[in-house]
PDB file of all heavy atoms in Angstrom:
ATOM      1  N   ALA A   1      -7.108  -1.203  18.474  1.00  0.00           N
ATOM      2  CA  ALA A   1      -6.117  -1.438  17.402  1.00  0.00           C
ATOM      3  C   ALA A   1      -6.745  -1.284  16.051  1.00  0.00           C
ATOM      4  O   ALA A   1      -7.981  -1.492  15.910  1.00  0.00           O
ATOM      5  CB  ALA A   1      -5.542  -2.872  17.582  1.00  0.00           C
ATOM      6  N   GLU A   2      -5.959  -0.938  15.088  1.00  0.00           N
ATOM      7  CA  GLU A   2      -6.489  -0.799  13.687  1.00  0.00           C
ATOM      8  C   GLU A   2      -7.206  -2.034  13.237  1.00  0.00           C
ATOM      9  O   GLU A   2      -8.233  -1.970  12.564  1.00  0.00           O
ATOM     10  CB  GLU A   2      -5.354  -0.393  12.720  1.00  0.00           C
ATOM     11  CG  GLU A   2      -4.837   1.006  12.930  1.00  0.00           C
ATOM     12  CD  GLU A   2      -5.689   2.072  12.370  1.00  0.00           C
ATOM     13  OE1 GLU A   2      -6.665   1.713  11.651  1.00  0.00           O
ATOM     14  OE2 GLU A   2      -5.484   3.259  12.636  1.00  0.00           O
ATOM     15  N   GLU A   3      -6.610  -3.166  13.478  1.00  0.00           N
ATOM     16  CA  GLU A   3      -7.179  -4.424  13.078  1.00  0.00           C
ATOM     17  C   GLU A   3      -8.033  -5.113  14.146  1.00  0.00           C
ATOM     18  O   GLU A   3      -7.983  -6.322  14.310  1.00  0.00           O
ATOM     19  CB  GLU A   3      -6.080  -5.410  12.604  1.00  0.00           C
ATOM     20  CG  GLU A   3      -5.241  -4.780  11.463  1.00  0.00           C
ATOM     21  CD  GLU A   3      -6.121  -4.492  10.246  1.00  0.00           C
ATOM     22  OE1 GLU A   3      -7.026  -5.234   9.941  1.00  0.00           O
ATOM     23  OE2 GLU A   3      -5.795  -3.408   9.613  1.00  0.00           O
ATOM     24  N   CYS A   4      -8.777  -4.365  14.929  1.00  0.00           N
ATOM     25  CA  CYS A   4      -9.655  -4.870  16.002  1.00  0.00           C
ATOM     26  C   CYS A   4     -10.801  -5.590  15.489  1.00  0.00           C
ATOM     27  O   CYS A   4     -11.138  -5.490  14.293  1.00  0.00           O
ATOM     28  CB  CYS A   4     -10.078  -3.748  16.932  1.00  0.00           C
ATOM     29  SG  CYS A   4     -11.141  -2.517  16.149  1.00  0.00           S
ATOM     30  N   ALA A   5     -11.379  -6.370  16.382  1.00  0.00           N
ATOM     31  CA  ALA A   5     -12.656  -7.085  16.027  1.00  0.00           C
ATOM     32  C   ALA A   5     -13.542  -7.085  17.282  1.00  0.00           C
ATOM     33  O   ALA A   5     -13.072  -7.195  18.389  1.00  0.00           O
ATOM     34  CB  ALA A   5     -12.385  -8.578  15.593  1.00  0.00           C
ATOM     35  N   MET A   6     -14.860  -6.919  17.020  1.00  0.00           N
ATOM     36  CA  MET A   6     -15.875  -7.015  18.058  1.00  0.00           C
ATOM     37  C   MET A   6     -16.776  -8.156  17.860  1.00  0.00           C
ATOM     38  O   MET A   6     -17.410  -8.204  16.760  1.00  0.00           O
ATOM     39  CB  MET A   6     -16.669  -5.677  18.155  1.00  0.00           C
ATOM     40  CG  MET A   6     -17.799  -5.706  19.201  1.00  0.00           C
ATOM     41  SD  MET A   6     -18.753  -4.171  19.249  1.00  0.00           S
ATOM     42  CE  MET A   6     -20.062  -4.646  20.301  1.00  0.00           C
ATOM     43  N   HIS A   7     -16.964  -9.008  18.824  1.00  0.00           N
ATOM     44  CA  HIS A   7     -17.754 -10.252  18.711  1.00  0.00           C
ATOM     45  C   HIS A   7     -18.899 -10.048  19.644  1.00  0.00           C
ATOM     46  O   HIS A   7     -18.705  -9.925  20.883  1.00  0.00           O
ATOM     47  CB  HIS A   7     -16.982 -11.495  19.015  1.00  0.00           C
ATOM     48  CG  HIS A   7     -15.859 -11.779  18.066  1.00  0.00           C
ATOM     49  ND1 HIS A   7     -15.927 -12.721  17.104  1.00  0.00           N
ATOM     50  CD2 HIS A   7     -14.608 -11.271  18.008  1.00  0.00           C
ATOM     51  CE1 HIS A   7     -14.776 -12.760  16.386  1.00  0.00           C
ATOM     52  NE2 HIS A   7     -13.915 -11.852  16.966  1.00  0.00           N
ATOM     53  N   SER A   8     -20.133 -10.146  19.164  1.00  0.00           N
ATOM     54  CA  SER A   8     -21.323 -10.040  19.980  1.00  0.00           C
ATOM     55  C   SER A   8     -22.397 -10.932  19.459  1.00  0.00           C
ATOM     56  O   SER A   8     -22.219 -11.575  18.426  1.00  0.00           O
ATOM     57  CB  SER A   8     -21.808  -8.604  20.161  1.00  0.00           C
ATOM     58  OG  SER A   8     -22.363  -8.182  18.869  1.00  0.00           O
ATOM     59  N   GLY A   9     -23.504 -11.001  20.133  1.00  0.00           N
ATOM     60  CA  GLY A   9     -24.604 -11.844  19.665  1.00  0.00           C
ATOM     61  C   GLY A   9     -25.177 -11.466  18.341  1.00  0.00           C
ATOM     62  O   GLY A   9     -25.801 -12.265  17.656  1.00  0.00           O
ATOM     63  N   SER A  10     -24.913 -10.180  17.932  1.00  0.00           N
ATOM     64  CA  SER A  10     -25.493  -9.659  16.628  1.00  0.00           C
ATOM     65  C   SER A  10     -24.501  -9.847  15.531  1.00  0.00           C
ATOM     66  O   SER A  10     -24.811  -9.443  14.372  1.00  0.00           O
ATOM     67  CB  SER A  10     -25.868  -8.217  16.770  1.00  0.00           C
ATOM     68  OG  SER A  10     -24.779  -7.415  17.178  1.00  0.00           O
ATOM     69  N   GLY A  11     -23.256 -10.389  15.792  1.00  0.00           N
ATOM     70  CA  GLY A  11     -22.306 -10.591  14.708  1.00  0.00           C
ATOM     71  C   GLY A  11     -20.966 -10.138  15.017  1.00  0.00           C
ATOM     72  O   GLY A  11     -20.624  -9.818  16.222  1.00  0.00           O
ATOM     73  N   VAL A  12     -20.106  -9.972  13.980  1.00  0.00           N
ATOM     74  CA  VAL A  12     -18.669  -9.552  14.131  1.00  0.00           C
ATOM     75  C   VAL A  12     -18.503  -8.289  13.337  1.00  0.00           C
ATOM     76  O   VAL A  12     -18.885  -8.182  12.219  1.00  0.00           O
ATOM     77  CB  VAL A  12     -17.736 -10.669  13.615  1.00  0.00           C
ATOM     78  CG1 VAL A  12     -16.262 -10.206  13.784  1.00  0.00           C
ATOM     79  CG2 VAL A  12     -17.995 -12.009  14.371  1.00  0.00           C
ATOM     80  N   ARG A  13     -17.816  -7.355  13.970  1.00  0.00           N
ATOM     81  CA  ARG A  13     -17.362  -6.085  13.276  1.00  0.00           C
ATOM     82  C   ARG A  13     -15.930  -6.015  13.321  1.00  0.00           C
ATOM     83  O   ARG A  13     -15.310  -6.355  14.366  1.00  0.00           O
ATOM     84  CB  ARG A  13     -17.986  -4.889  13.996  1.00  0.00           C
ATOM     85  CG  ARG A  13     -19.433  -4.612  13.682  1.00  0.00           C
ATOM     86  CD  ARG A  13     -20.332  -5.333  14.544  1.00  0.00           C
ATOM     87  NE  ARG A  13     -21.745  -5.157  14.270  1.00  0.00           N
ATOM     88  CZ  ARG A  13     -22.741  -5.786  14.894  1.00  0.00           C
ATOM     89  NH1 ARG A  13     -22.417  -6.629  15.937  1.00  0.00           N
ATOM     90  NH2 ARG A  13     -23.966  -5.555  14.582  1.00  0.00           N
ATOM     91  N   ARG A  14     -15.309  -5.610  12.206  1.00  0.00           N
ATOM     92  CA  ARG A  14     -13.865  -5.680  12.101  1.00  0.00           C
ATOM     93  C   ARG A  14     -13.277  -4.278  11.804  1.00  0.00           C
ATOM     94  O   ARG A  14     -13.811  -3.590  10.946  1.00  0.00           O
ATOM     95  CB  ARG A  14     -13.445  -6.673  11.011  1.00  0.00           C
ATOM     96  CG  ARG A  14     -13.876  -8.069  11.298  1.00  0.00           C
ATOM     97  CD  ARG A  14     -13.261  -9.114  10.391  1.00  0.00           C
ATOM     98  NE  ARG A  14     -13.769 -10.432  10.729  1.00  0.00           N
ATOM     99  CZ  ARG A  14     -13.366 -11.252  11.655  1.00  0.00           C
ATOM    100  NH1 ARG A  14     -12.405 -10.825  12.478  1.00  0.00           N
ATOM    101  NH2 ARG A  14     -13.884 -12.440  11.850  1.00  0.00           N
ATOM    102  N   GLY A  15     -12.178  -3.984  12.468  1.00  0.00           N
ATOM    103  CA  GLY A  15     -11.424  -2.736  12.153  1.00  0.00           C
ATOM    104  C   GLY A  15     -12.138  -1.521  12.682  1.00  0.00           C
ATOM    105  O   GLY A  15     -13.274  -1.547  13.150  1.00  0.00           O
ATOM    106  N   HIS A  16     -11.416  -0.380  12.574  1.00  0.00           N
ATOM    107  CA  HIS A  16     -11.965   0.909  13.021  1.00  0.00           C
ATOM    108  C   HIS A  16     -13.291   1.139  12.214  1.00  0.00           C
ATOM    109  O   HIS A  16     -14.165   1.714  12.834  1.00  0.00           O
ATOM    110  CB  HIS A  16     -10.973   1.966  12.819  1.00  0.00           C
ATOM    111  CG  HIS A  16      -9.951   2.065  13.913  1.00  0.00           C
ATOM    112  ND1 HIS A  16      -9.086   3.111  14.056  1.00  0.00           N
ATOM    113  CD2 HIS A  16      -9.660   1.149  14.910  1.00  0.00           C
ATOM    114  CE1 HIS A  16      -8.280   2.912  15.127  1.00  0.00           C
ATOM    115  NE2 HIS A  16      -8.585   1.704  15.665  1.00  0.00           N
ATOM    116  N   ALA A  17     -13.321   0.898  10.974  1.00  0.00           N
ATOM    117  CA  ALA A  17     -14.479   1.188  10.159  1.00  0.00           C
ATOM    118  C   ALA A  17     -15.723   0.393  10.713  1.00  0.00           C
ATOM    119  O   ALA A  17     -16.799   1.013  10.764  1.00  0.00           O
ATOM    120  CB  ALA A  17     -14.238   0.888   8.686  1.00  0.00           C
ATOM    121  N   GLY A  18     -15.523  -0.883  10.991  1.00  0.00           N
ATOM    122  CA  GLY A  18     -16.578  -1.707  11.480  1.00  0.00           C
ATOM    123  C   GLY A  18     -17.059  -1.166  12.865  1.00  0.00           C
ATOM    124  O   GLY A  18     -18.299  -1.137  13.089  1.00  0.00           O
ATOM    125  N   MET A  19     -16.176  -0.822  13.704  1.00  0.00           N
ATOM    126  CA  MET A  19     -16.525  -0.330  15.034  1.00  0.00           C
ATOM    127  C   MET A  19     -17.280   1.028  14.869  1.00  0.00           C
ATOM    128  O   MET A  19     -18.280   1.240  15.533  1.00  0.00           O
ATOM    129  CB  MET A  19     -15.334  -0.142  15.933  1.00  0.00           C
ATOM    130  CG  MET A  19     -14.699  -1.359  16.399  1.00  0.00           C
ATOM    131  SD  MET A  19     -15.678  -2.284  17.573  1.00  0.00           S
ATOM    132  CE  MET A  19     -15.646  -1.155  18.948  1.00  0.00           C
ATOM    133  N   ARG A  20     -16.786   1.857  14.013  1.00  0.00           N
ATOM    134  CA  ARG A  20     -17.400   3.150  13.828  1.00  0.00           C
ATOM    135  C   ARG A  20     -18.789   3.047  13.267  1.00  0.00           C
ATOM    136  O   ARG A  20     -19.773   3.718  13.737  1.00  0.00           O
ATOM    137  CB  ARG A  20     -16.524   3.909  12.746  1.00  0.00           C
ATOM    138  CG  ARG A  20     -16.838   5.422  12.697  1.00  0.00           C
ATOM    139  CD  ARG A  20     -15.889   6.098  11.778  1.00  0.00           C
ATOM    140  NE  ARG A  20     -14.526   6.164  12.345  1.00  0.00           N
ATOM    141  CZ  ARG A  20     -13.523   5.592  11.810  1.00  0.00           C
ATOM    142  NH1 ARG A  20     -13.616   4.870  10.700  1.00  0.00           N
ATOM    143  NH2 ARG A  20     -12.299   5.703  12.386  1.00  0.00           N
ATOM    144  N   GLU A  21     -19.006   2.125  12.326  1.00  0.00           N
ATOM    145  CA  GLU A  21     -20.366   1.901  11.808  1.00  0.00           C
ATOM    146  C   GLU A  21     -21.261   1.382  12.787  1.00  0.00           C
ATOM    147  O   GLU A  21     -22.454   1.787  12.937  1.00  0.00           O
ATOM    148  CB  GLU A  21     -20.280   0.967  10.579  1.00  0.00           C
ATOM    149  CG  GLU A  21     -21.582   0.641   9.945  1.00  0.00           C
ATOM    150  CD  GLU A  21     -21.431  -0.284   8.746  1.00  0.00           C
ATOM    151  OE1 GLU A  21     -20.304  -0.830   8.515  1.00  0.00           O
ATOM    152  OE2 GLU A  21     -22.493  -0.634   8.113  1.00  0.00           O
ATOM    153  N   PHE A  22     -20.776   0.367  13.619  1.00  0.00           N
ATOM    154  CA  PHE A  22     -21.655  -0.200  14.634  1.00  0.00           C
ATOM    155  C   PHE A  22     -22.047   0.794  15.683  1.00  0.00           C
ATOM    156  O   PHE A  22     -23.213   0.870  16.087  1.00  0.00           O
ATOM    157  CB  PHE A  22     -20.948  -1.380  15.284  1.00  0.00           C
ATOM    158  CG  PHE A  22     -21.713  -1.948  16.504  1.00  0.00           C
ATOM    159  CD1 PHE A  22     -22.852  -2.685  16.347  1.00  0.00           C
ATOM    160  CD2 PHE A  22     -21.229  -1.645  17.750  1.00  0.00           C
ATOM    161  CE1 PHE A  22     -23.560  -3.125  17.473  1.00  0.00           C
ATOM    162  CE2 PHE A  22     -21.933  -2.121  18.920  1.00  0.00           C
ATOM    163  CZ  PHE A  22     -23.081  -2.890  18.745  1.00  0.00           C
ATOM    164  N   LEU A  23     -21.131   1.523  16.250  1.00  0.00           N
ATOM    165  CA  LEU A  23     -21.377   2.509  17.271  1.00  0.00           C
ATOM    166  C   LEU A  23     -22.321   3.643  16.757  1.00  0.00           C
ATOM    167  O   LEU A  23     -23.198   4.104  17.519  1.00  0.00           O
ATOM    168  CB  LEU A  23     -20.107   3.066  17.857  1.00  0.00           C
ATOM    169  CG  LEU A  23     -19.306   2.068  18.660  1.00  0.00           C
ATOM    170  CD1 LEU A  23     -17.941   2.665  19.117  1.00  0.00           C
ATOM    171  CD2 LEU A  23     -20.033   1.507  19.803  1.00  0.00           C
ATOM    172  N   ALA A  24     -22.108   4.108  15.524  1.00  0.00           N
ATOM    173  CA  ALA A  24     -23.017   5.090  15.030  1.00  0.00           C
ATOM    174  C   ALA A  24     -24.458   4.564  15.006  1.00  0.00           C
ATOM    175  O   ALA A  24     -25.391   5.357  15.282  1.00  0.00           O
ATOM    176  CB  ALA A  24     -22.544   5.511  13.580  1.00  0.00           C
ATOM    177  N   TRP A  25     -24.676   3.313  14.590  1.00  0.00           N
ATOM    178  CA  TRP A  25     -25.996   2.743  14.610  1.00  0.00           C
ATOM    179  C   TRP A  25     -26.552   2.586  15.985  1.00  0.00           C
ATOM    180  O   TRP A  25     -27.681   2.942  16.308  1.00  0.00           O
ATOM    181  CB  TRP A  25     -25.997   1.426  13.872  1.00  0.00           C
ATOM    182  CG  TRP A  25     -27.304   0.656  14.017  1.00  0.00           C
ATOM    183  CD1 TRP A  25     -28.435   0.853  13.272  1.00  0.00           C
ATOM    184  CD2 TRP A  25     -27.524  -0.422  14.950  1.00  0.00           C
ATOM    185  NE1 TRP A  25     -29.400   0.012  13.721  1.00  0.00           N
ATOM    186  CE2 TRP A  25     -28.904  -0.764  14.727  1.00  0.00           C
ATOM    187  CE3 TRP A  25     -26.791  -0.975  15.964  1.00  0.00           C
ATOM    188  CZ2 TRP A  25     -29.515  -1.801  15.534  1.00  0.00           C
ATOM    189  CZ3 TRP A  25     -27.393  -2.054  16.675  1.00  0.00           C
ATOM    190  CH2 TRP A  25     -28.695  -2.393  16.533  1.00  0.00           C
ATOM    191  N   ALA A  26     -25.673   1.952  16.859  1.00  0.00           N
ATOM    192  CA  ALA A  26     -26.147   1.669  18.250  1.00  0.00           C
ATOM    193  C   ALA A  26     -26.534   2.952  19.020  1.00  0.00           C
ATOM    194  O   ALA A  26     -27.396   2.968  19.858  1.00  0.00           O
ATOM    195  CB  ALA A  26     -25.078   0.855  18.974  1.00  0.00           C
ATOM    196  N   HIS A  27     -25.796   4.044  18.752  1.00  0.00           N
ATOM    197  CA  HIS A  27     -25.950   5.225  19.564  1.00  0.00           C
ATOM    198  C   HIS A  27     -26.760   6.311  18.829  1.00  0.00           C
ATOM    199  O   HIS A  27     -26.808   7.501  19.269  1.00  0.00           O
ATOM    200  CB  HIS A  27     -24.612   5.790  19.933  1.00  0.00           C
ATOM    201  CG  HIS A  27     -23.776   4.850  20.817  1.00  0.00           C
ATOM    202  ND1 HIS A  27     -22.427   5.004  20.950  1.00  0.00           N
ATOM    203  CD2 HIS A  27     -24.236   3.797  21.550  1.00  0.00           C
ATOM    204  CE1 HIS A  27     -21.970   4.040  21.795  1.00  0.00           C
ATOM    205  NE2 HIS A  27     -23.071   3.282  22.106  1.00  0.00           N
ATOM    206  N   ASP A  28     -27.430   5.947  17.739  1.00  0.00           N
ATOM    207  CA  ASP A  28     -28.323   6.892  17.124  1.00  0.00           C
ATOM    208  C   ASP A  28     -29.556   7.090  17.914  1.00  0.00           C
ATOM    209  O   ASP A  28     -30.478   6.232  18.007  1.00  0.00           O
ATOM    210  CB  ASP A  28     -28.711   6.282  15.693  1.00  0.00           C
ATOM    211  CG  ASP A  28     -29.682   7.202  14.934  1.00  0.00           C
ATOM    212  OD1 ASP A  28     -29.734   8.406  15.246  1.00  0.00           O
ATOM    213  OD2 ASP A  28     -30.271   6.728  13.966  1.00  0.00           O
ATOM    214  N   GLY A  29     -29.650   8.231  18.648  1.00  0.00           N
ATOM    215  CA  GLY A  29     -30.764   8.553  19.462  1.00  0.00           C
ATOM    216  C   GLY A  29     -30.742   7.847  20.815  1.00  0.00           C
ATOM    217  O   GLY A  29     -31.753   7.935  21.546  1.00  0.00           O
ATOM    218  N   VAL A  30     -29.636   7.209  21.173  1.00  0.00           N
ATOM    219  CA  VAL A  30     -29.532   6.550  22.443  1.00  0.00           C
ATOM    220  C   VAL A  30     -28.148   6.795  23.090  1.00  0.00           C
ATOM    221  O   VAL A  30     -27.143   6.567  22.355  1.00  0.00           O
ATOM    222  CB  VAL A  30     -29.649   4.986  22.325  1.00  0.00           C
ATOM    223  CG1 VAL A  30     -29.489   4.274  23.678  1.00  0.00           C
ATOM    224  CG2 VAL A  30     -31.106   4.711  21.749  1.00  0.00           C
ATOM    225  N   ARG A  31     -28.089   7.237  24.315  1.00  0.00           N
ATOM    226  CA  ARG A  31     -26.757   7.333  25.029  1.00  0.00           C
ATOM    227  C   ARG A  31     -26.547   6.074  25.731  1.00  0.00           C
ATOM    228  O   ARG A  31     -27.416   5.585  26.498  1.00  0.00           O
ATOM    229  CB  ARG A  31     -26.743   8.492  25.963  1.00  0.00           C
ATOM    230  CG  ARG A  31     -26.416   9.851  25.328  1.00  0.00           C
ATOM    231  CD  ARG A  31     -24.966   9.881  24.851  1.00  0.00           C
ATOM    232  NE  ARG A  31     -23.967   9.541  25.844  1.00  0.00           N
ATOM    233  CZ  ARG A  31     -23.516  10.379  26.785  1.00  0.00           C
ATOM    234  NH1 ARG A  31     -23.911  11.641  26.772  1.00  0.00           N
ATOM    235  NH2 ARG A  31     -22.621  10.012  27.676  1.00  0.00           N
ATOM    236  N   GLU A  32     -25.339   5.541  25.678  1.00  0.00           N
ATOM    237  CA  GLU A  32     -25.007   4.272  26.334  1.00  0.00           C
ATOM    238  C   GLU A  32     -23.921   4.648  27.418  1.00  0.00           C
ATOM    239  O   GLU A  32     -22.849   5.183  27.092  1.00  0.00           O
ATOM    240  CB  GLU A  32     -24.352   3.300  25.356  1.00  0.00           C
ATOM    241  CG  GLU A  32     -23.953   1.997  25.900  1.00  0.00           C
ATOM    242  CD  GLU A  32     -23.473   1.021  24.855  1.00  0.00           C
ATOM    243  OE1 GLU A  32     -23.204   1.452  23.695  1.00  0.00           O
ATOM    244  OE2 GLU A  32     -23.191  -0.112  25.191  1.00  0.00           O
ATOM    245  N   CYS A  33     -24.292   4.310  28.708  1.00  0.00           N
ATOM    246  CA  CYS A  33     -23.436   4.700  29.796  1.00  0.00           C
ATOM    247  C   CYS A  33     -23.080   3.510  30.668  1.00  0.00           C
ATOM    248  O   CYS A  33     -23.937   2.931  31.384  1.00  0.00           O
ATOM    249  CB  CYS A  33     -24.178   5.721  30.613  1.00  0.00           C
ATOM    250  SG  CYS A  33     -24.643   7.211  29.756  1.00  0.00           S
ATOM    251  N   PRO A  34     -21.800   3.079  30.624  1.00  0.00           N
ATOM    252  CA  PRO A  34     -21.361   1.920  31.386  1.00  0.00           C
ATOM    253  C   PRO A  34     -21.118   2.254  32.856  1.00  0.00           C
ATOM    254  O   PRO A  34     -20.585   3.327  33.204  1.00  0.00           O
ATOM    255  CB  PRO A  34     -20.081   1.477  30.717  1.00  0.00           C
ATOM    256  CG  PRO A  34     -19.565   2.728  30.164  1.00  0.00           C
ATOM    257  CD  PRO A  34     -20.713   3.528  29.708  1.00  0.00           C
TER     258      PRO A  34
END
């Protein structure tokens, strides 16, 4: 959702912009495969 939020041990990210910023950092040089 546009107004989404992600809560984890490292903090809270809000909205698409927050998710985009977090995933760009988390996946910089690392592939994450569930």
